[in-house]
PDB file of N, CA and C in Angstrom:
ATOM      1  N   UNK A   1     -26.667 -70.701 -16.049  1.00  0.00           N
ATOM      2  CA  UNK A   1     -27.534 -70.095 -15.054  1.00  0.00           C
ATOM      3  C   UNK A   1     -28.412 -69.067 -15.779  1.00  0.00           C
ATOM      4  N   UNK A   2     -29.697 -69.130 -15.498  1.00  0.00           N
ATOM      5  CA  UNK A   2     -30.613 -68.215 -16.169  1.00  0.00           C
ATOM      6  C   UNK A   2     -30.473 -66.808 -15.586  1.00  0.00           C
ATOM      7  N   UNK A   3     -30.976 -65.855 -16.316  1.00  0.00           N
ATOM      8  CA  UNK A   3     -30.885 -64.464 -15.884  1.00  0.00           C
ATOM      9  C   UNK A   3     -31.683 -64.216 -14.597  1.00  0.00           C
ATOM     10  N   UNK A   4     -32.846 -64.839 -14.487  1.00  0.00           N
ATOM     11  CA  UNK A   4     -33.675 -64.685 -13.298  1.00  0.00           C
ATOM     12  C   UNK A   4     -32.967 -65.250 -12.062  1.00  0.00           C
ATOM     13  N   UNK A   5     -32.359 -66.406 -12.197  1.00  0.00           N
ATOM     14  CA  UNK A   5     -31.623 -66.999 -11.085  1.00  0.00           C
ATOM     15  C   UNK A   5     -30.463 -66.107 -10.671  1.00  0.00           C
ATOM     16  N   UNK A   6     -29.771 -65.537 -11.645  1.00  0.00           N
ATOM     17  CA  UNK A   6     -28.662 -64.636 -11.353  1.00  0.00           C
ATOM     18  C   UNK A   6     -29.137 -63.410 -10.580  1.00  0.00           C
ATOM     19  N   UNK A   7     -30.271 -62.838 -10.979  1.00  0.00           N
ATOM     20  CA  UNK A   7     -30.793 -61.653 -10.303  1.00  0.00           C
ATOM     21  C   UNK A   7     -31.212 -61.983  -8.876  1.00  0.00           C
ATOM     22  N   UNK A   8     -31.864 -63.128  -8.687  1.00  0.00           N
ATOM     23  CA  UNK A   8     -32.285 -63.530  -7.346  1.00  0.00           C
ATOM     24  C   UNK A   8     -31.074 -63.737  -6.446  1.00  0.00           C
ATOM     25  N   UNK A   9     -30.058 -64.404  -6.933  1.00  0.00           N
ATOM     26  CA  UNK A   9     -28.843 -64.621  -6.135  1.00  0.00           C
ATOM     27  C   UNK A   9     -28.147 -63.303  -5.826  1.00  0.00           C
ATOM     28  N   UNK A  10     -28.153 -62.381  -6.753  1.00  0.00           N
ATOM     29  CA  UNK A  10     -27.552 -61.071  -6.528  1.00  0.00           C
ATOM     30  C   UNK A  10     -28.312 -60.302  -5.445  1.00  0.00           C
ATOM     31  N   UNK A  11     -29.641 -60.369  -5.456  1.00  0.00           N
ATOM     32  CA  UNK A  11     -30.442 -59.716  -4.423  1.00  0.00           C
ATOM     33  C   UNK A  11     -30.203 -60.330  -3.051  1.00  0.00           C
ATOM     34  N   UNK A  12     -30.106 -61.633  -2.994  1.00  0.00           N
ATOM     35  CA  UNK A  12     -29.854 -62.306  -1.707  1.00  0.00           C
ATOM     36  C   UNK A  12     -28.483 -61.931  -1.178  1.00  0.00           C
ATOM     37  N   UNK A  13     -27.492 -61.912  -2.032  1.00  0.00           N
ATOM     38  CA  UNK A  13     -26.137 -61.560  -1.600  1.00  0.00           C
ATOM     39  C   UNK A  13     -26.054 -60.113  -1.143  1.00  0.00           C
ATOM     40  N   UNK A  14     -26.750 -59.213  -1.846  1.00  0.00           N
ATOM     41  CA  UNK A  14     -26.693 -57.807  -1.442  1.00  0.00           C
ATOM     42  C   UNK A  14     -27.449 -57.572  -0.146  1.00  0.00           C
ATOM     43  N   UNK A  15     -28.553 -58.299   0.094  1.00  0.00           N
ATOM     44  CA  UNK A  15     -29.276 -58.131   1.357  1.00  0.00           C
ATOM     45  C   UNK A  15     -28.483 -58.713   2.515  1.00  0.00           C
ATOM     46  N   UNK A  16     -27.715 -59.763   2.283  1.00  0.00           N
ATOM     47  CA  UNK A  16     -26.890 -60.340   3.342  1.00  0.00           C
ATOM     48  C   UNK A  16     -25.756 -59.388   3.722  1.00  0.00           C
ATOM     49  N   UNK A  17     -25.330 -58.560   2.798  1.00  0.00           N
ATOM     50  CA  UNK A  17     -24.257 -57.611   3.100  1.00  0.00           C
ATOM     51  C   UNK A  17     -24.730 -56.504   4.033  1.00  0.00           C
ATOM     52  N   UNK A  18     -26.031 -56.201   4.040  1.00  0.00           N
ATOM     53  CA  UNK A  18     -26.562 -55.160   4.912  1.00  0.00           C
ATOM     54  C   UNK A  18     -26.733 -55.633   6.342  1.00  0.00           C
ATOM     55  N   UNK A  19     -26.865 -56.911   6.543  1.00  0.00           N
ATOM     56  CA  UNK A  19     -27.124 -57.457   7.877  1.00  0.00           C
ATOM     57  C   UNK A  19     -25.829 -57.549   8.666  1.00  0.00           C
ATOM     58  N   UNK A  20     -25.946 -57.356   9.950  1.00  0.00           N
ATOM     59  CA  UNK A  20     -24.776 -57.512  10.806  1.00  0.00           C
ATOM     60  C   UNK A  20     -24.670 -58.970  11.219  1.00  0.00           C
ATOM     61  N   UNK A  21     -23.479 -59.414  11.621  1.00  0.00           N
ATOM     62  CA  UNK A  21     -23.338 -60.809  12.020  1.00  0.00           C
ATOM     63  C   UNK A  21     -24.139 -61.101  13.281  1.00  0.00           C
ATOM     64  N   UNK A  22     -24.625 -62.319  13.356  1.00  0.00           N
ATOM     65  CA  UNK A  22     -25.418 -62.722  14.518  1.00  0.00           C
ATOM     66  C   UNK A  22     -24.506 -62.933  15.722  1.00  0.00           C
ATOM     67  N   UNK A  23     -25.017 -62.568  16.879  1.00  0.00           N
ATOM     68  CA  UNK A  23     -24.262 -62.803  18.109  1.00  0.00           C
ATOM     69  C   UNK A  23     -25.240 -63.187  19.205  1.00  0.00           C
ATOM     70  N   UNK A  24     -24.818 -64.091  20.035  1.00  0.00           N
ATOM     71  CA  UNK A  24     -25.669 -64.574  21.121  1.00  0.00           C
ATOM     72  C   UNK A  24     -25.586 -63.624  22.306  1.00  0.00           C
ATOM     73  N   UNK A  25     -26.683 -63.530  23.039  1.00  0.00           N
ATOM     74  CA  UNK A  25     -26.680 -62.736  24.258  1.00  0.00           C
ATOM     75  C   UNK A  25     -26.059 -63.569  25.372  1.00  0.00           C
ATOM     76  N   UNK A  26     -25.398 -62.915  26.314  1.00  0.00           N
ATOM     77  CA  UNK A  26     -24.839 -63.674  27.431  1.00  0.00           C
ATOM     78  C   UNK A  26     -25.954 -64.222  28.323  1.00  0.00           C
ATOM     79  N   UNK A  27     -25.641 -65.245  29.072  1.00  0.00           N
ATOM     80  CA  UNK A  27     -26.615 -65.811  30.012  1.00  0.00           C
ATOM     81  C   UNK A  27     -26.964 -64.785  31.083  1.00  0.00           C
ATOM     82  N   UNK A  28     -28.178 -64.870  31.569  1.00  0.00           N
ATOM     83  CA  UNK A  28     -28.608 -63.977  32.643  1.00  0.00           C
ATOM     84  C   UNK A  28     -27.859 -64.340  33.920  1.00  0.00           C
ATOM     85  N   UNK A  29     -27.449 -63.347  34.696  1.00  0.00           N
ATOM     86  CA  UNK A  29     -26.737 -63.649  35.936  1.00  0.00           C
ATOM     87  C   UNK A  29     -27.642 -64.405  36.906  1.00  0.00           C
ATOM     88  N   UNK A  30     -27.041 -65.265  37.691  1.00  0.00           N
ATOM     89  CA  UNK A  30     -27.810 -66.024  38.671  1.00  0.00           C
ATOM     90  C   UNK A  30     -27.164 -65.863  40.039  1.00  0.00           C
ATOM     91  N   UNK A  31     -27.896 -66.214  41.052  1.00  0.00           N
ATOM     92  CA  UNK A  31     -27.387 -66.108  42.408  1.00  0.00           C
ATOM     93  C   UNK A  31     -28.310 -65.278  43.265  1.00  0.00           C
ATOM     94  N   UNK A  32     -27.953 -65.098  44.527  1.00  0.00           N
ATOM     95  CA  UNK A  32     -28.850 -64.374  45.432  1.00  0.00           C
ATOM     96  C   UNK A  32     -28.947 -62.880  45.122  1.00  0.00           C
ATOM     97  N   UNK A  33     -27.932 -62.279  44.526  1.00  0.00           N
ATOM     98  CA  UNK A  33     -27.941 -60.841  44.248  1.00  0.00           C
ATOM     99  C   UNK A  33     -28.260 -60.527  42.787  1.00  0.00           C
ATOM    100  N   UNK A  34     -28.781 -61.510  42.054  1.00  0.00           N
ATOM    101  CA  UNK A  34     -29.071 -61.320  40.632  1.00  0.00           C
ATOM    102  C   UNK A  34     -30.299 -60.428  40.462  1.00  0.00           C
ATOM    103  N   UNK A  35     -30.318 -59.599  39.403  1.00  0.00           N
ATOM    104  CA  UNK A  35     -31.505 -58.769  39.147  1.00  0.00           C
ATOM    105  C   UNK A  35     -32.668 -59.662  38.721  1.00  0.00           C
ATOM    106  N   UNK A  36     -33.899 -59.147  38.778  1.00  0.00           N
ATOM    107  CA  UNK A  36     -35.035 -59.956  38.332  1.00  0.00           C
ATOM    108  C   UNK A  36     -34.906 -60.289  36.848  1.00  0.00           C
ATOM    109  N   UNK A  37     -35.568 -61.371  36.466  1.00  0.00           N
ATOM    110  CA  UNK A  37     -35.461 -61.843  35.083  1.00  0.00           C
ATOM    111  C   UNK A  37     -35.850 -60.772  34.068  1.00  0.00           C
ATOM    112  N   UNK A  38     -36.896 -60.000  34.353  1.00  0.00           N
ATOM    113  CA  UNK A  38     -37.348 -58.993  33.395  1.00  0.00           C
ATOM    114  C   UNK A  38     -36.328 -57.883  33.189  1.00  0.00           C
ATOM    115  N   UNK A  39     -35.423 -57.684  34.130  1.00  0.00           N
ATOM    116  CA  UNK A  39     -34.388 -56.662  33.971  1.00  0.00           C
ATOM    117  C   UNK A  39     -33.287 -57.118  33.028  1.00  0.00           C
ATOM    118  N   UNK A  40     -33.224 -58.418  32.732  1.00  0.00           N
ATOM    119  CA  UNK A  40     -32.165 -58.938  31.869  1.00  0.00           C
ATOM    120  C   UNK A  40     -32.606 -59.095  30.429  1.00  0.00           C
ATOM    121  N   UNK A  41     -33.872 -58.822  30.122  1.00  0.00           N
ATOM    122  CA  UNK A  41     -34.373 -58.966  28.765  1.00  0.00           C
ATOM    123  C   UNK A  41     -33.890 -57.811  27.895  1.00  0.00           C
ATOM    124  N   UNK A  42     -33.573 -58.100  26.640  1.00  0.00           N
ATOM    125  CA  UNK A  42     -33.092 -57.051  25.750  1.00  0.00           C
ATOM    126  C   UNK A  42     -34.204 -56.450  24.907  1.00  0.00           C
ATOM    127  N   UNK A  43     -35.378 -57.055  24.906  1.00  0.00           N
ATOM    128  CA  UNK A  43     -36.442 -56.564  24.037  1.00  0.00           C
ATOM    129  C   UNK A  43     -37.558 -55.869  24.801  1.00  0.00           C
ATOM    130  N   UNK A  44     -37.294 -55.385  25.981  1.00  0.00           N
ATOM    131  CA  UNK A  44     -38.324 -54.676  26.724  1.00  0.00           C
ATOM    132  C   UNK A  44     -38.414 -53.243  26.222  1.00  0.00           C
ATOM    133  N   UNK A  45     -39.590 -52.668  26.289  1.00  0.00           N
ATOM    134  CA  UNK A  45     -39.792 -51.293  25.865  1.00  0.00           C
ATOM    135  C   UNK A  45     -39.229 -50.357  26.928  1.00  0.00           C
ATOM    136  N   UNK A  46     -38.421 -49.383  26.554  1.00  0.00           N
ATOM    137  CA  UNK A  46     -37.780 -48.512  27.547  1.00  0.00           C
ATOM    138  C   UNK A  46     -38.699 -47.405  28.052  1.00  0.00           C
ATOM    139  N   UNK A  47     -39.966 -47.695  28.227  1.00  0.00           N
ATOM    140  CA  UNK A  47     -40.918 -46.686  28.675  1.00  0.00           C
ATOM    141  C   UNK A  47     -41.230 -46.883  30.154  1.00  0.00           C
ATOM    142  N   UNK A  48     -41.501 -45.769  30.831  1.00  0.00           N
ATOM    143  CA  UNK A  48     -41.842 -45.794  32.248  1.00  0.00           C
ATOM    144  C   UNK A  48     -43.058 -44.901  32.445  1.00  0.00           C
ATOM    145  N   UNK A  49     -44.028 -45.380  33.204  1.00  0.00           N
ATOM    146  CA  UNK A  49     -45.189 -44.551  33.506  1.00  0.00           C
ATOM    147  C   UNK A  49     -44.727 -43.280  34.211  1.00  0.00           C
ATOM    148  N   UNK A  50     -45.279 -42.140  33.801  1.00  0.00           N
ATOM    149  CA  UNK A  50     -44.962 -40.871  34.435  1.00  0.00           C
ATOM    150  C   UNK A  50     -43.941 -40.033  33.693  1.00  0.00           C
ATOM    151  N   UNK A  51     -43.289 -40.569  32.668  1.00  0.00           N
ATOM    152  CA  UNK A  51     -42.324 -39.741  31.930  1.00  0.00           C
ATOM    153  C   UNK A  51     -43.069 -38.778  31.021  1.00  0.00           C
ATOM    154  N   UNK A  52     -42.427 -37.662  30.693  1.00  0.00           N
ATOM    155  CA  UNK A  52     -43.080 -36.694  29.820  1.00  0.00           C
ATOM    156  C   UNK A  52     -42.806 -37.038  28.358  1.00  0.00           C
ATOM    157  N   UNK A  53     -43.370 -36.253  27.441  1.00  0.00           N
ATOM    158  CA  UNK A  53     -43.292 -36.557  26.009  1.00  0.00           C
ATOM    159  C   UNK A  53     -41.856 -36.512  25.495  1.00  0.00           C
ATOM    160  N   UNK A  54     -41.057 -35.562  25.968  1.00  0.00           N
ATOM    161  CA  UNK A  54     -39.666 -35.482  25.512  1.00  0.00           C
ATOM    162  C   UNK A  54     -38.862 -36.695  25.957  1.00  0.00           C
ATOM    163  N   UNK A  55     -39.072 -37.135  27.199  1.00  0.00           N
ATOM    164  CA  UNK A  55     -38.366 -38.322  27.687  1.00  0.00           C
ATOM    165  C   UNK A  55     -38.780 -39.571  26.920  1.00  0.00           C
ATOM    166  N   UNK A  56     -40.065 -39.690  26.580  1.00  0.00           N
ATOM    167  CA  UNK A  56     -40.545 -40.848  25.823  1.00  0.00           C
ATOM    168  C   UNK A  56     -39.941 -40.866  24.422  1.00  0.00           C
ATOM    169  N   UNK A  57     -39.890 -39.707  23.766  1.00  0.00           N
ATOM    170  CA  UNK A  57     -39.296 -39.638  22.429  1.00  0.00           C
ATOM    171  C   UNK A  57     -37.812 -39.982  22.488  1.00  0.00           C
ATOM    172  N   UNK A  58     -37.115 -39.520  23.516  1.00  0.00           N
ATOM    173  CA  UNK A  58     -35.697 -39.821  23.678  1.00  0.00           C
ATOM    174  C   UNK A  58     -35.480 -41.314  23.949  1.00  0.00           C
ATOM    175  N   UNK A  59     -36.339 -41.910  24.782  1.00  0.00           N
ATOM    176  CA  UNK A  59     -36.192 -43.327  25.114  1.00  0.00           C
ATOM    177  C   UNK A  59     -36.454 -44.222  23.904  1.00  0.00           C
ATOM    178  N   UNK A  60     -37.422 -43.844  23.074  1.00  0.00           N
ATOM    179  CA  UNK A  60     -37.744 -44.647  21.900  1.00  0.00           C
ATOM    180  C   UNK A  60     -36.848 -44.343  20.704  1.00  0.00           C
ATOM    181  N   UNK A  61     -36.203 -43.195  20.728  1.00  0.00           N
ATOM    182  CA  UNK A  61     -35.326 -42.832  19.620  1.00  0.00           C
ATOM    183  C   UNK A  61     -36.084 -42.449  18.361  1.00  0.00           C
ATOM    184  N   UNK A  62     -37.337 -42.055  18.503  1.00  0.00           N
ATOM    185  CA  UNK A  62     -38.174 -41.666  17.367  1.00  0.00           C
ATOM    186  C   UNK A  62     -39.026 -40.469  17.766  1.00  0.00           C
ATOM    187  N   UNK A  63     -39.356 -39.607  16.811  1.00  0.00           N
ATOM    188  CA  UNK A  63     -40.212 -38.461  17.146  1.00  0.00           C
ATOM    189  C   UNK A  63     -41.647 -38.902  17.399  1.00  0.00           C
ATOM    190  N   UNK A  64     -42.356 -38.130  18.224  1.00  0.00           N
ATOM    191  CA  UNK A  64     -43.755 -38.399  18.513  1.00  0.00           C
ATOM    192  C   UNK A  64     -44.623 -37.614  17.538  1.00  0.00           C
ATOM    193  N   UNK A  65     -45.641 -38.263  16.996  1.00  0.00           N
ATOM    194  CA  UNK A  65     -46.574 -37.628  16.063  1.00  0.00           C
ATOM    195  C   UNK A  65     -47.908 -37.432  16.776  1.00  0.00           C
ATOM    196  N   UNK A  66     -48.361 -36.179  16.865  1.00  0.00           N
ATOM    197  CA  UNK A  66     -49.605 -35.863  17.548  1.00  0.00           C
ATOM    198  C   UNK A  66     -50.782 -36.468  16.806  1.00  0.00           C
ATOM    199  N   UNK A  67     -51.686 -37.134  17.550  1.00  0.00           N
ATOM    200  CA  UNK A  67     -52.898 -37.717  16.970  1.00  0.00           C
ATOM    201  C   UNK A  67     -54.123 -36.921  17.399  1.00  0.00           C
ATOM    202  N   UNK A  68     -54.358 -36.813  18.710  1.00  0.00           N
ATOM    203  CA  UNK A  68     -55.533 -36.088  19.179  1.00  0.00           C
ATOM    204  C   UNK A  68     -55.367 -35.747  20.655  1.00  0.00           C
ATOM    205  N   UNK A  69     -56.313 -34.971  21.165  1.00  0.00           N
ATOM    206  CA  UNK A  69     -56.338 -34.627  22.573  1.00  0.00           C
ATOM    207  C   UNK A  69     -56.003 -33.171  22.821  1.00  0.00           C
ATOM    208  N   UNK A  70     -56.479 -32.681  23.956  1.00  0.00           N
ATOM    209  CA  UNK A  70     -56.182 -31.302  24.326  1.00  0.00           C
ATOM    210  C   UNK A  70     -54.815 -31.247  25.012  1.00  0.00           C
ATOM    211  N   UNK A  71     -54.232 -30.069  25.178  1.00  0.00           N
ATOM    212  CA  UNK A  71     -52.903 -29.961  25.781  1.00  0.00           C
ATOM    213  C   UNK A  71     -52.835 -30.630  27.159  1.00  0.00           C
ATOM    214  N   UNK A  72     -51.874 -31.500  27.313  1.00  0.00           N
ATOM    215  CA  UNK A  72     -51.691 -32.241  28.555  1.00  0.00           C
ATOM    216  C   UNK A  72     -52.295 -33.625  28.523  1.00  0.00           C
ATOM    217  N   UNK A  73     -53.333 -33.819  27.719  1.00  0.00           N
ATOM    218  CA  UNK A  73     -54.010 -35.115  27.608  1.00  0.00           C
ATOM    219  C   UNK A  73     -53.996 -35.578  26.149  1.00  0.00           C
ATOM    220  N   UNK A  74     -52.814 -35.734  25.606  1.00  0.00           N
ATOM    221  CA  UNK A  74     -52.667 -36.053  24.193  1.00  0.00           C
ATOM    222  C   UNK A  74     -52.483 -37.548  23.961  1.00  0.00           C
ATOM    223  N   UNK A  75     -52.707 -37.926  22.699  1.00  0.00           N
ATOM    224  CA  UNK A  75     -52.355 -39.248  22.204  1.00  0.00           C
ATOM    225  C   UNK A  75     -51.348 -39.025  21.088  1.00  0.00           C
ATOM    226  N   UNK A  76     -50.206 -39.694  21.184  1.00  0.00           N
ATOM    227  CA  UNK A  76     -49.155 -39.599  20.178  1.00  0.00           C
ATOM    228  C   UNK A  76     -48.950 -40.951  19.515  1.00  0.00           C
ATOM    229  N   UNK A  77     -48.389 -40.920  18.321  1.00  0.00           N
ATOM    230  CA  UNK A  77     -48.072 -42.119  17.566  1.00  0.00           C
ATOM    231  C   UNK A  77     -46.584 -42.121  17.264  1.00  0.00           C
ATOM    232  N   UNK A  78     -45.943 -43.265  17.462  1.00  0.00           N
ATOM    233  CA  UNK A  78     -44.514 -43.421  17.166  1.00  0.00           C
ATOM    234  C   UNK A  78     -44.374 -44.576  16.190  1.00  0.00           C
ATOM    235  N   UNK A  79     -43.626 -44.371  15.119  1.00  0.00           N
ATOM    236  CA  UNK A  79     -43.297 -45.447  14.186  1.00  0.00           C
ATOM    237  C   UNK A  79     -41.931 -45.984  14.578  1.00  0.00           C
ATOM    238  N   UNK A  80     -41.911 -47.231  15.049  1.00  0.00           N
ATOM    239  CA  UNK A  80     -40.653 -47.840  15.471  1.00  0.00           C
ATOM    240  C   UNK A  80     -40.145 -48.757  14.376  1.00  0.00           C
ATOM    241  N   UNK A  81     -38.902 -48.562  13.970  1.00  0.00           N
ATOM    242  CA  UNK A  81     -38.265 -49.445  12.996  1.00  0.00           C
ATOM    243  C   UNK A  81     -37.657 -50.596  13.776  1.00  0.00           C
ATOM    244  N   UNK A  82     -38.255 -51.771  13.647  1.00  0.00           N
ATOM    245  CA  UNK A  82     -37.761 -52.908  14.421  1.00  0.00           C
ATOM    246  C   UNK A  82     -36.992 -53.889  13.559  1.00  0.00           C
ATOM    247  N   UNK A  83     -36.475 -53.404  12.445  1.00  0.00           N
ATOM    248  CA  UNK A  83     -35.634 -54.256  11.615  1.00  0.00           C
ATOM    249  C   UNK A  83     -36.418 -54.921  10.507  1.00  0.00           C
ATOM    250  N   UNK A  84     -36.106 -56.160  10.279  1.00  0.00           N
ATOM    251  CA  UNK A  84     -36.680 -56.902   9.171  1.00  0.00           C
ATOM    252  C   UNK A  84     -35.545 -57.422   8.324  1.00  0.00           C
ATOM    253  N   UNK A  85     -35.870 -57.889   7.163  1.00  0.00           N
ATOM    254  CA  UNK A  85     -34.827 -58.386   6.274  1.00  0.00           C
ATOM    255  C   UNK A  85     -34.186 -57.217   5.536  1.00  0.00           C
ATOM    256  N   UNK A  86     -33.205 -57.498   4.733  1.00  0.00           N
ATOM    257  CA  UNK A  86     -32.572 -56.450   3.953  1.00  0.00           C
ATOM    258  C   UNK A  86     -33.474 -55.889   2.877  1.00  0.00           C
ATOM    259  N   UNK A  87     -34.503 -56.655   2.482  1.00  0.00           N
ATOM    260  CA  UNK A  87     -35.404 -56.208   1.422  1.00  0.00           C
ATOM    261  C   UNK A  87     -36.633 -55.493   1.957  1.00  0.00           C
ATOM    262  N   UNK A  88     -37.152 -55.924   3.101  1.00  0.00           N
ATOM    263  CA  UNK A  88     -38.363 -55.343   3.672  1.00  0.00           C
ATOM    264  C   UNK A  88     -38.095 -54.926   5.096  1.00  0.00           C
ATOM    265  N   UNK A  89     -38.219 -53.629   5.372  1.00  0.00           N
ATOM    266  CA  UNK A  89     -38.063 -53.140   6.728  1.00  0.00           C
ATOM    267  C   UNK A  89     -39.423 -53.131   7.404  1.00  0.00           C
ATOM    268  N   UNK A  90     -39.472 -53.500   8.658  1.00  0.00           N
ATOM    269  CA  UNK A  90     -40.737 -53.594   9.388  1.00  0.00           C
ATOM    270  C   UNK A  90     -40.842 -52.413  10.336  1.00  0.00           C
ATOM    271  N   UNK A  91     -41.919 -51.688  10.213  1.00  0.00           N
ATOM    272  CA  UNK A  91     -42.172 -50.557  11.104  1.00  0.00           C
ATOM    273  C   UNK A  91     -43.465 -50.817  11.848  1.00  0.00           C
ATOM    274  N   UNK A  92     -43.401 -50.856  13.160  1.00  0.00           N
ATOM    275  CA  UNK A  92     -44.582 -51.040  13.989  1.00  0.00           C
ATOM    276  C   UNK A  92     -45.018 -49.705  14.557  1.00  0.00           C
ATOM    277  N   UNK A  93     -46.320 -49.584  14.779  1.00  0.00           N
ATOM    278  CA  UNK A  93     -46.884 -48.354  15.347  1.00  0.00           C
ATOM    279  C   UNK A  93     -47.060 -48.546  16.849  1.00  0.00           C
ATOM    280  N   UNK A  94     -46.752 -47.512  17.593  1.00  0.00           N
ATOM    281  CA  UNK A  94     -46.927 -47.520  19.043  1.00  0.00           C
ATOM    282  C   UNK A  94     -47.673 -46.254  19.426  1.00  0.00           C
ATOM    283  N   UNK A  95     -48.832 -46.426  20.055  1.00  0.00           N
ATOM    284  CA  UNK A  95     -49.643 -45.290  20.503  1.00  0.00           C
ATOM    285  C   UNK A  95     -49.324 -45.006  21.963  1.00  0.00           C
ATOM    286  N   UNK A  96     -49.079 -43.739  22.281  1.00  0.00           N
ATOM    287  CA  UNK A  96     -48.760 -43.316  23.643  1.00  0.00           C
ATOM    288  C   UNK A  96     -49.862 -42.397  24.158  1.00  0.00           C
ATOM    289  N   UNK A  97     -50.385 -42.699  25.345  1.00  0.00           N
ATOM    290  CA  UNK A  97     -51.438 -41.895  25.976  1.00  0.00           C
ATOM    291  C   UNK A  97     -50.829 -41.101  27.120  1.00  0.00           C
ATOM    292  N   UNK A  98     -51.002 -39.778  27.081  1.00  0.00           N
ATOM    293  CA  UNK A  98     -50.507 -38.900  28.143  1.00  0.00           C
ATOM    294  C   UNK A  98     -51.691 -38.297  28.885  1.00  0.00           C
ATOM    295  N   UNK A  99     -51.606 -38.263  30.197  1.00  0.00           N
ATOM    296  CA  UNK A  99     -52.594 -37.617  31.054  1.00  0.00           C
ATOM    297  C   UNK A  99     -51.851 -36.618  31.933  1.00  0.00           C
ATOM    298  N   UNK A 100     -52.323 -35.377  31.951  1.00  0.00           N
ATOM    299  CA  UNK A 100     -51.676 -34.298  32.700  1.00  0.00           C
ATOM    300  C   UNK A 100     -50.185 -34.189  32.351  1.00  0.00           C
ATOM    301  N   UNK A 101     -49.851 -34.416  31.088  1.00  0.00           N
ATOM    302  CA  UNK A 101     -48.481 -34.267  30.620  1.00  0.00           C
ATOM    303  C   UNK A 101     -47.565 -35.434  30.936  1.00  0.00           C
ATOM    304  N   UNK A 102     -48.081 -36.502  31.517  1.00  0.00           N
ATOM    305  CA  UNK A 102     -47.268 -37.661  31.895  1.00  0.00           C
ATOM    306  C   UNK A 102     -47.778 -38.915  31.187  1.00  0.00           C
ATOM    307  N   UNK A 103     -46.870 -39.819  30.865  1.00  0.00           N
ATOM    308  CA  UNK A 103     -47.224 -41.050  30.172  1.00  0.00           C
ATOM    309  C   UNK A 103     -48.094 -41.924  31.069  1.00  0.00           C
ATOM    310  N   UNK A 104     -49.307 -42.229  30.577  1.00  0.00           N
ATOM    311  CA  UNK A 104     -50.253 -43.031  31.352  1.00  0.00           C
ATOM    312  C   UNK A 104     -50.417 -44.437  30.773  1.00  0.00           C
ATOM    313  N   UNK A 105     -50.027 -44.638  29.512  1.00  0.00           N
ATOM    314  CA  UNK A 105     -50.153 -45.960  28.909  1.00  0.00           C
ATOM    315  C   UNK A 105     -49.700 -45.953  27.470  1.00  0.00           C
ATOM    316  N   UNK A 106     -49.522 -47.147  26.925  1.00  0.00           N
ATOM    317  CA  UNK A 106     -49.141 -47.284  25.527  1.00  0.00           C
ATOM    318  C   UNK A 106     -49.713 -48.571  24.985  1.00  0.00           C
ATOM    319  N   UNK A 107     -49.865 -48.627  23.671  1.00  0.00           N
ATOM    320  CA  UNK A 107     -50.437 -49.788  23.005  1.00  0.00           C
ATOM    321  C   UNK A 107     -49.756 -49.972  21.663  1.00  0.00           C
ATOM    322  N   UNK A 108     -49.275 -51.158  21.410  1.00  0.00           N
ATOM    323  CA  UNK A 108     -48.676 -51.477  20.123  1.00  0.00           C
ATOM    324  C   UNK A 108     -49.742 -51.848  19.120  1.00  0.00           C
ATOM    325  N   UNK A 109     -49.551 -51.432  17.875  1.00  0.00           N
ATOM    326  CA  UNK A 109     -50.491 -51.764  16.807  1.00  0.00           C
ATOM    327  C   UNK A 109     -49.685 -52.346  15.666  1.00  0.00           C
ATOM    328  N   UNK A 110     -49.860 -53.629  15.417  1.00  0.00           N
ATOM    329  CA  UNK A 110     -49.091 -54.287  14.381  1.00  0.00           C
ATOM    330  C   UNK A 110     -49.776 -54.208  13.025  1.00  0.00           C
ATOM    331  N   UNK A 111     -50.982 -53.671  13.001  1.00  0.00           N
ATOM    332  CA  UNK A 111     -51.652 -53.414  11.728  1.00  0.00           C
ATOM    333  C   UNK A 111     -51.939 -54.659  10.919  1.00  0.00           C
ATOM    334  N   UNK A 112     -52.321 -54.415   9.674  1.00  0.00           N
ATOM    335  CA  UNK A 112     -52.644 -55.482   8.740  1.00  0.00           C
ATOM    336  C   UNK A 112     -51.479 -55.640   7.780  1.00  0.00           C
ATOM    337  N   UNK A 113     -51.012 -56.849   7.608  1.00  0.00           N
ATOM    338  CA  UNK A 113     -49.883 -57.094   6.715  1.00  0.00           C
ATOM    339  C   UNK A 113     -50.380 -57.091   5.265  1.00  0.00           C
ATOM    340  N   UNK A 114     -49.968 -56.101   4.518  1.00  0.00           N
ATOM    341  CA  UNK A 114     -50.424 -55.930   3.144  1.00  0.00           C
ATOM    342  C   UNK A 114     -49.928 -57.030   2.209  1.00  0.00           C
ATOM    343  N   UNK A 115     -48.853 -57.741   2.591  1.00  0.00           N
ATOM    344  CA  UNK A 115     -48.292 -58.756   1.692  1.00  0.00           C
ATOM    345  C   UNK A 115     -49.181 -59.988   1.571  1.00  0.00           C
ATOM    346  N   UNK A 116     -50.003 -60.262   2.552  1.00  0.00           N
ATOM    347  CA  UNK A 116     -50.760 -61.512   2.567  1.00  0.00           C
ATOM    348  C   UNK A 116     -52.222 -61.296   2.219  1.00  0.00           C
ATOM    349  N   UNK A 117     -52.543 -60.277   1.476  1.00  0.00           N
ATOM    350  CA  UNK A 117     -53.942 -60.026   1.092  1.00  0.00           C
ATOM    351  C   UNK A 117     -54.351 -60.950  -0.027  1.00  0.00           C
TER     352      UNK A 117
END
């Protein structure tokens, strides 16, 4: 086995050790008293219109970075770590718009992928 092959296999094995085992999500409940389908999704953003900046930071689990705006009408940026492989972590940007101190909207920005230039 060549040295390069050994190094590649070692990197793959070490990245697999960082990952947790895969597990399937349970089926969504059905029946007349079942919640709506969107309530059963695991990848929904935990944001609600009208929450303040502290509640938004707590819900996202990341600090808010001030971008612009006067007090009460700010725009914040949040870097969300959404995983990735063991070698490359993916961080997406999320812009939050506040009006009168309350969350009025948000927009995800996936940016330009530098790897494919």
